[in-house]
């Protein structure tokens, strides 16, 4: 029988998809006020992998990803998705979101995204929030699953997340 242990801390990340930069900046400010300073940020990327958000946000869409400096306990991680939903709601106009805030976390072994949508490969964690192992790390790089969204399977996002993972590993081994 295995012994119970604490799941430890993880490196919080979030994606922000938006049409107007000022909306993203407001969402990022609110996210940072809740979870602390960011230590890594991707450059602005075109978000053209799907038209899922077009009716709500318009076009063209952009995305940035950030990681938070402080490590967070994985216990209770569902509260991050609940908070991101509140941020989206607070910035909505005329019943439509202006930004999509998608949080998740990185460990040595994986990227996990948090979602309100259930599916065969997602596990309910608490309070209507599901976790999806979106990427896994093996042989010195992030790799995709059959269900990985095409944008998260892209080299640009995988490269950014490899940098986040590197920072995380340094933090858990006592570096900053």
C-alpha atoms as a PDB file:
ATOM      1  CA  UNK A   1       0.000   0.000   0.000  1.00  0.00           C
ATOM      2  CA  UNK A   2       1.288   3.456  -0.889  1.00  0.00           C
ATOM      3  CA  UNK A   3       1.657   6.104   1.769  1.00  0.00           C
ATOM      4  CA  UNK A   4      -0.301   9.299   1.539  1.00  0.00           C
ATOM      5  CA  UNK A   5       1.743  12.398   0.888  1.00  0.00           C
ATOM      6  CA  UNK A   6       1.096  16.030   0.126  1.00  0.00           C
ATOM      7  CA  UNK A   7       0.872  16.800  -3.587  1.00  0.00           C
ATOM      8  CA  UNK A   8       3.069  19.842  -2.985  1.00  0.00           C
ATOM      9  CA  UNK A   9       3.222  23.103  -4.866  1.00  0.00           C
ATOM     10  CA  UNK A  10       2.894  23.919  -8.543  1.00  0.00           C
ATOM     11  CA  UNK A  11       3.725  26.772 -10.918  1.00  0.00           C
ATOM     12  CA  UNK A  12       0.549  28.678 -11.739  1.00  0.00           C
ATOM     13  CA  UNK A  13       0.114  29.824 -15.345  1.00  0.00           C
ATOM     14  CA  UNK A  14      -2.654  31.538 -17.231  1.00  0.00           C
ATOM     15  CA  UNK A  15      -3.540  32.255 -20.824  1.00  0.00           C
ATOM     16  CA  UNK A  16      -5.340  35.450 -21.787  1.00  0.00           C
ATOM     17  CA  UNK A  17      -7.174  35.561 -25.131  1.00  0.00           C
ATOM     18  CA  UNK A  18      -8.500  38.958 -26.204  1.00  0.00           C
ATOM     19  CA  UNK A  19      -9.267  41.332 -29.047  1.00  0.00           C
ATOM     20  CA  UNK A  20      -8.409  44.577 -27.222  1.00  0.00           C
ATOM     21  CA  UNK A  21      -5.117  44.902 -25.369  1.00  0.00           C
ATOM     22  CA  UNK A  22      -6.623  47.130 -22.680  1.00  0.00           C
ATOM     23  CA  UNK A  23      -9.069  44.332 -21.743  1.00  0.00           C
ATOM     24  CA  UNK A  24      -6.187  41.877 -21.360  1.00  0.00           C
ATOM     25  CA  UNK A  25      -4.240  44.377 -19.254  1.00  0.00           C
ATOM     26  CA  UNK A  26      -7.196  44.765 -16.876  1.00  0.00           C
ATOM     27  CA  UNK A  27      -7.592  40.988 -16.608  1.00  0.00           C
ATOM     28  CA  UNK A  28      -3.869  40.480 -16.045  1.00  0.00           C
ATOM     29  CA  UNK A  29      -3.858  43.177 -13.350  1.00  0.00           C
ATOM     30  CA  UNK A  30      -6.779  41.512 -11.549  1.00  0.00           C
ATOM     31  CA  UNK A  31      -5.130  38.079 -11.855  1.00  0.00           C
ATOM     32  CA  UNK A  32      -1.828  39.457 -10.515  1.00  0.00           C
ATOM     33  CA  UNK A  33      -3.561  41.179  -7.608  1.00  0.00           C
ATOM     34  CA  UNK A  34      -5.017  37.803  -6.646  1.00  0.00           C
ATOM     35  CA  UNK A  35      -1.998  35.525  -7.320  1.00  0.00           C
ATOM     36  CA  UNK A  36       1.025  37.798  -7.108  1.00  0.00           C
ATOM     37  CA  UNK A  37       3.655  38.976  -9.509  1.00  0.00           C
ATOM     38  CA  UNK A  38       4.305  37.252 -12.780  1.00  0.00           C
ATOM     39  CA  UNK A  39       7.837  36.091 -13.490  1.00  0.00           C
ATOM     40  CA  UNK A  40       7.544  34.996 -17.127  1.00  0.00           C
ATOM     41  CA  UNK A  41       5.363  36.289 -19.944  1.00  0.00           C
ATOM     42  CA  UNK A  42       5.162  35.173 -23.534  1.00  0.00           C
ATOM     43  CA  UNK A  43       5.130  37.660 -26.304  1.00  0.00           C
ATOM     44  CA  UNK A  44       1.801  38.529 -27.836  1.00  0.00           C
ATOM     45  CA  UNK A  45       0.742  35.746 -30.215  1.00  0.00           C
ATOM     46  CA  UNK A  46      -1.923  35.584 -32.877  1.00  0.00           C
ATOM     47  CA  UNK A  47      -4.794  33.372 -31.768  1.00  0.00           C
ATOM     48  CA  UNK A  48      -6.089  31.878 -34.996  1.00  0.00           C
ATOM     49  CA  UNK A  49      -6.402  28.186 -34.185  1.00  0.00           C
ATOM     50  CA  UNK A  50     -10.197  28.321 -33.892  1.00  0.00           C
ATOM     51  CA  UNK A  51     -13.116  30.664 -34.475  1.00  0.00           C
ATOM     52  CA  UNK A  52     -14.704  29.605 -31.154  1.00  0.00           C
ATOM     53  CA  UNK A  53     -14.367  33.090 -29.595  1.00  0.00           C
ATOM     54  CA  UNK A  54     -15.072  35.207 -32.696  1.00  0.00           C
ATOM     55  CA  UNK A  55     -18.757  35.932 -32.010  1.00  0.00           C
ATOM     56  CA  UNK A  56     -18.014  36.955 -28.448  1.00  0.00           C
ATOM     57  CA  UNK A  57     -14.728  38.858 -28.833  1.00  0.00           C
ATOM     58  CA  UNK A  58     -14.476  39.777 -32.514  1.00  0.00           C
ATOM     59  CA  UNK A  59     -11.321  39.462 -34.627  1.00  0.00           C
ATOM     60  CA  UNK A  60      -8.358  39.498 -34.771  1.00  0.00           C
ATOM     61  CA  UNK A  61      -7.596  37.746 -31.505  1.00  0.00           C
ATOM     62  CA  UNK A  62      -4.345  37.735 -29.562  1.00  0.00           C
ATOM     63  CA  UNK A  63      -3.013  35.692 -26.675  1.00  0.00           C
ATOM     64  CA  UNK A  64      -0.387  35.982 -23.998  1.00  0.00           C
ATOM     65  CA  UNK A  65       0.653  33.447 -21.382  1.00  0.00           C
ATOM     66  CA  UNK A  66       2.125  34.248 -17.990  1.00  0.00           C
ATOM     67  CA  UNK A  67       3.453  32.326 -15.030  1.00  0.00           C
ATOM     68  CA  UNK A  68       3.208  33.475 -11.441  1.00  0.00           C
ATOM     69  CA  UNK A  69       6.348  33.939  -9.391  1.00  0.00           C
ATOM     70  CA  UNK A  70       5.064  32.294  -6.206  1.00  0.00           C
ATOM     71  CA  UNK A  71       4.406  28.570  -6.160  1.00  0.00           C
ATOM     72  CA  UNK A  72       0.921  27.581  -5.017  1.00  0.00           C
ATOM     73  CA  UNK A  73      -0.426  24.444  -3.321  1.00  0.00           C
ATOM     74  CA  UNK A  74      -2.210  22.122  -5.719  1.00  0.00           C
ATOM     75  CA  UNK A  75      -4.764  21.458  -2.963  1.00  0.00           C
ATOM     76  CA  UNK A  76      -7.597  23.882  -3.616  1.00  0.00           C
ATOM     77  CA  UNK A  77      -6.418  24.721  -7.153  1.00  0.00           C
ATOM     78  CA  UNK A  78     -10.043  24.814  -8.339  1.00  0.00           C
ATOM     79  CA  UNK A  79     -10.358  28.231  -6.681  1.00  0.00           C
ATOM     80  CA  UNK A  80      -8.056  29.658  -9.364  1.00  0.00           C
ATOM     81  CA  UNK A  81     -10.532  28.741 -12.113  1.00  0.00           C
ATOM     82  CA  UNK A  82     -13.413  30.126 -10.055  1.00  0.00           C
ATOM     83  CA  UNK A  83     -11.472  33.388  -9.646  1.00  0.00           C
ATOM     84  CA  UNK A  84     -10.646  33.538 -13.369  1.00  0.00           C
ATOM     85  CA  UNK A  85     -14.348  33.176 -14.160  1.00  0.00           C
ATOM     86  CA  UNK A  86     -15.055  36.105 -11.812  1.00  0.00           C
ATOM     87  CA  UNK A  87     -12.421  38.211 -13.581  1.00  0.00           C
ATOM     88  CA  UNK A  88     -14.020  37.427 -16.944  1.00  0.00           C
ATOM     89  CA  UNK A  89     -17.465  38.323 -15.582  1.00  0.00           C
ATOM     90  CA  UNK A  90     -16.241  41.604 -14.099  1.00  0.00           C
ATOM     91  CA  UNK A  91     -14.847  42.697 -17.478  1.00  0.00           C
ATOM     92  CA  UNK A  92     -17.851  41.587 -19.557  1.00  0.00           C
ATOM     93  CA  UNK A  93     -19.791  44.106 -21.618  1.00  0.00           C
ATOM     94  CA  UNK A  94     -23.373  43.619 -22.775  1.00  0.00           C
ATOM     95  CA  UNK A  95     -23.355  40.024 -21.537  1.00  0.00           C
ATOM     96  CA  UNK A  96     -20.230  39.115 -23.517  1.00  0.00           C
ATOM     97  CA  UNK A  97     -16.758  38.450 -22.219  1.00  0.00           C
ATOM     98  CA  UNK A  98     -13.969  40.718 -23.415  1.00  0.00           C
ATOM     99  CA  UNK A  99     -11.186  38.356 -22.397  1.00  0.00           C
ATOM    100  CA  UNK A 100     -10.824  34.624 -21.825  1.00  0.00           C
ATOM    101  CA  UNK A 101      -8.730  33.768 -18.766  1.00  0.00           C
ATOM    102  CA  UNK A 102      -7.574  30.136 -18.782  1.00  0.00           C
ATOM    103  CA  UNK A 103      -5.502  29.103 -15.775  1.00  0.00           C
ATOM    104  CA  UNK A 104      -3.541  25.959 -15.203  1.00  0.00           C
ATOM    105  CA  UNK A 105      -0.290  24.787 -13.702  1.00  0.00           C
ATOM    106  CA  UNK A 106       3.058  23.311 -14.603  1.00  0.00           C
ATOM    107  CA  UNK A 107       4.959  20.607 -12.730  1.00  0.00           C
ATOM    108  CA  UNK A 108       8.094  18.707 -13.651  1.00  0.00           C
ATOM    109  CA  UNK A 109       5.932  16.189 -15.500  1.00  0.00           C
ATOM    110  CA  UNK A 110       3.001  18.045 -17.038  1.00  0.00           C
ATOM    111  CA  UNK A 111       0.812  21.008 -17.891  1.00  0.00           C
ATOM    112  CA  UNK A 112      -2.657  20.820 -16.372  1.00  0.00           C
ATOM    113  CA  UNK A 113      -5.442  23.153 -17.494  1.00  0.00           C
ATOM    114  CA  UNK A 114      -8.502  23.937 -15.382  1.00  0.00           C
ATOM    115  CA  UNK A 115     -11.923  24.047 -17.005  1.00  0.00           C
ATOM    116  CA  UNK A 116     -15.637  24.068 -16.282  1.00  0.00           C
ATOM    117  CA  UNK A 117     -16.290  21.637 -19.146  1.00  0.00           C
ATOM    118  CA  UNK A 118     -16.387  17.888 -18.524  1.00  0.00           C
ATOM    119  CA  UNK A 119     -15.204  15.387 -21.102  1.00  0.00           C
ATOM    120  CA  UNK A 120     -13.894  11.817 -21.222  1.00  0.00           C
ATOM    121  CA  UNK A 121     -10.287  12.812 -20.462  1.00  0.00           C
ATOM    122  CA  UNK A 122     -11.063  15.345 -17.731  1.00  0.00           C
ATOM    123  CA  UNK A 123     -11.320  14.662 -14.022  1.00  0.00           C
ATOM    124  CA  UNK A 124     -13.643  16.560 -11.688  1.00  0.00           C
ATOM    125  CA  UNK A 125     -11.610  18.020  -8.839  1.00  0.00           C
ATOM    126  CA  UNK A 126     -14.103  20.155  -6.881  1.00  0.00           C
ATOM    127  CA  UNK A 127     -16.951  22.637  -7.179  1.00  0.00           C
ATOM    128  CA  UNK A 128     -17.681  22.000 -10.867  1.00  0.00           C
ATOM    129  CA  UNK A 129     -14.054  22.415 -11.945  1.00  0.00           C
ATOM    130  CA  UNK A 130     -12.263  19.778 -14.013  1.00  0.00           C
ATOM    131  CA  UNK A 131      -8.562  19.183 -14.588  1.00  0.00           C
ATOM    132  CA  UNK A 132      -7.043  18.145 -17.898  1.00  0.00           C
ATOM    133  CA  UNK A 133      -3.490  16.938 -18.346  1.00  0.00           C
ATOM    134  CA  UNK A 134      -2.895  18.846 -21.594  1.00  0.00           C
ATOM    135  CA  UNK A 135       0.826  18.207 -22.132  1.00  0.00           C
ATOM    136  CA  UNK A 136       3.318  15.806 -20.601  1.00  0.00           C
ATOM    137  CA  UNK A 137       7.094  16.202 -20.290  1.00  0.00           C
ATOM    138  CA  UNK A 138       9.360  13.441 -21.539  1.00  0.00           C
ATOM    139  CA  UNK A 139      12.823  13.295 -23.083  1.00  0.00           C
ATOM    140  CA  UNK A 140      13.469  16.989 -22.364  1.00  0.00           C
ATOM    141  CA  UNK A 141      10.378  18.434 -24.034  1.00  0.00           C
ATOM    142  CA  UNK A 142       6.642  18.877 -23.680  1.00  0.00           C
ATOM    143  CA  UNK A 143       4.581  16.456 -25.745  1.00  0.00           C
ATOM    144  CA  UNK A 144       0.949  16.427 -26.807  1.00  0.00           C
ATOM    145  CA  UNK A 145      -1.860  13.981 -26.151  1.00  0.00           C
ATOM    146  CA  UNK A 146      -4.490  13.145 -28.785  1.00  0.00           C
ATOM    147  CA  UNK A 147      -6.863  15.607 -27.038  1.00  0.00           C
ATOM    148  CA  UNK A 148      -4.391  18.503 -26.750  1.00  0.00           C
ATOM    149  CA  UNK A 149      -5.764  21.681 -28.315  1.00  0.00           C
ATOM    150  CA  UNK A 150      -3.780  22.618 -31.461  1.00  0.00           C
ATOM    151  CA  UNK A 151      -2.592  25.901 -29.945  1.00  0.00           C
ATOM    152  CA  UNK A 152      -1.134  24.146 -26.883  1.00  0.00           C
ATOM    153  CA  UNK A 153       0.472  21.605 -29.240  1.00  0.00           C
ATOM    154  CA  UNK A 154       2.302  24.416 -31.061  1.00  0.00           C
ATOM    155  CA  UNK A 155       6.047  24.815 -30.657  1.00  0.00           C
ATOM    156  CA  UNK A 156       5.709  28.417 -29.451  1.00  0.00           C
ATOM    157  CA  UNK A 157       3.556  27.511 -26.465  1.00  0.00           C
ATOM    158  CA  UNK A 158       5.553  24.372 -25.697  1.00  0.00           C
ATOM    159  CA  UNK A 159       8.772  26.428 -25.734  1.00  0.00           C
ATOM    160  CA  UNK A 160       7.283  29.016 -23.373  1.00  0.00           C
ATOM    161  CA  UNK A 161       6.088  26.270 -21.017  1.00  0.00           C
ATOM    162  CA  UNK A 162       9.535  24.642 -21.082  1.00  0.00           C
ATOM    163  CA  UNK A 163      10.891  27.931 -19.701  1.00  0.00           C
ATOM    164  CA  UNK A 164       8.184  27.928 -17.019  1.00  0.00           C
ATOM    165  CA  UNK A 165       9.078  24.338 -16.127  1.00  0.00           C
ATOM    166  CA  UNK A 166      12.772  25.247 -15.897  1.00  0.00           C
ATOM    167  CA  UNK A 167      11.970  28.080 -13.480  1.00  0.00           C
ATOM    168  CA  UNK A 168       9.685  25.785 -11.470  1.00  0.00           C
ATOM    169  CA  UNK A 169      12.375  23.091 -11.145  1.00  0.00           C
ATOM    170  CA  UNK A 170      14.862  25.717  -9.933  1.00  0.00           C
ATOM    171  CA  UNK A 171      12.331  26.984  -7.387  1.00  0.00           C
ATOM    172  CA  UNK A 172      11.515  23.580  -5.927  1.00  0.00           C
ATOM    173  CA  UNK A 173      15.201  22.725  -5.685  1.00  0.00           C
ATOM    174  CA  UNK A 174      15.821  25.839  -3.593  1.00  0.00           C
ATOM    175  CA  UNK A 175      16.729  28.406  -6.236  1.00  0.00           C
ATOM    176  CA  UNK A 176      14.604  31.433  -6.990  1.00  0.00           C
END
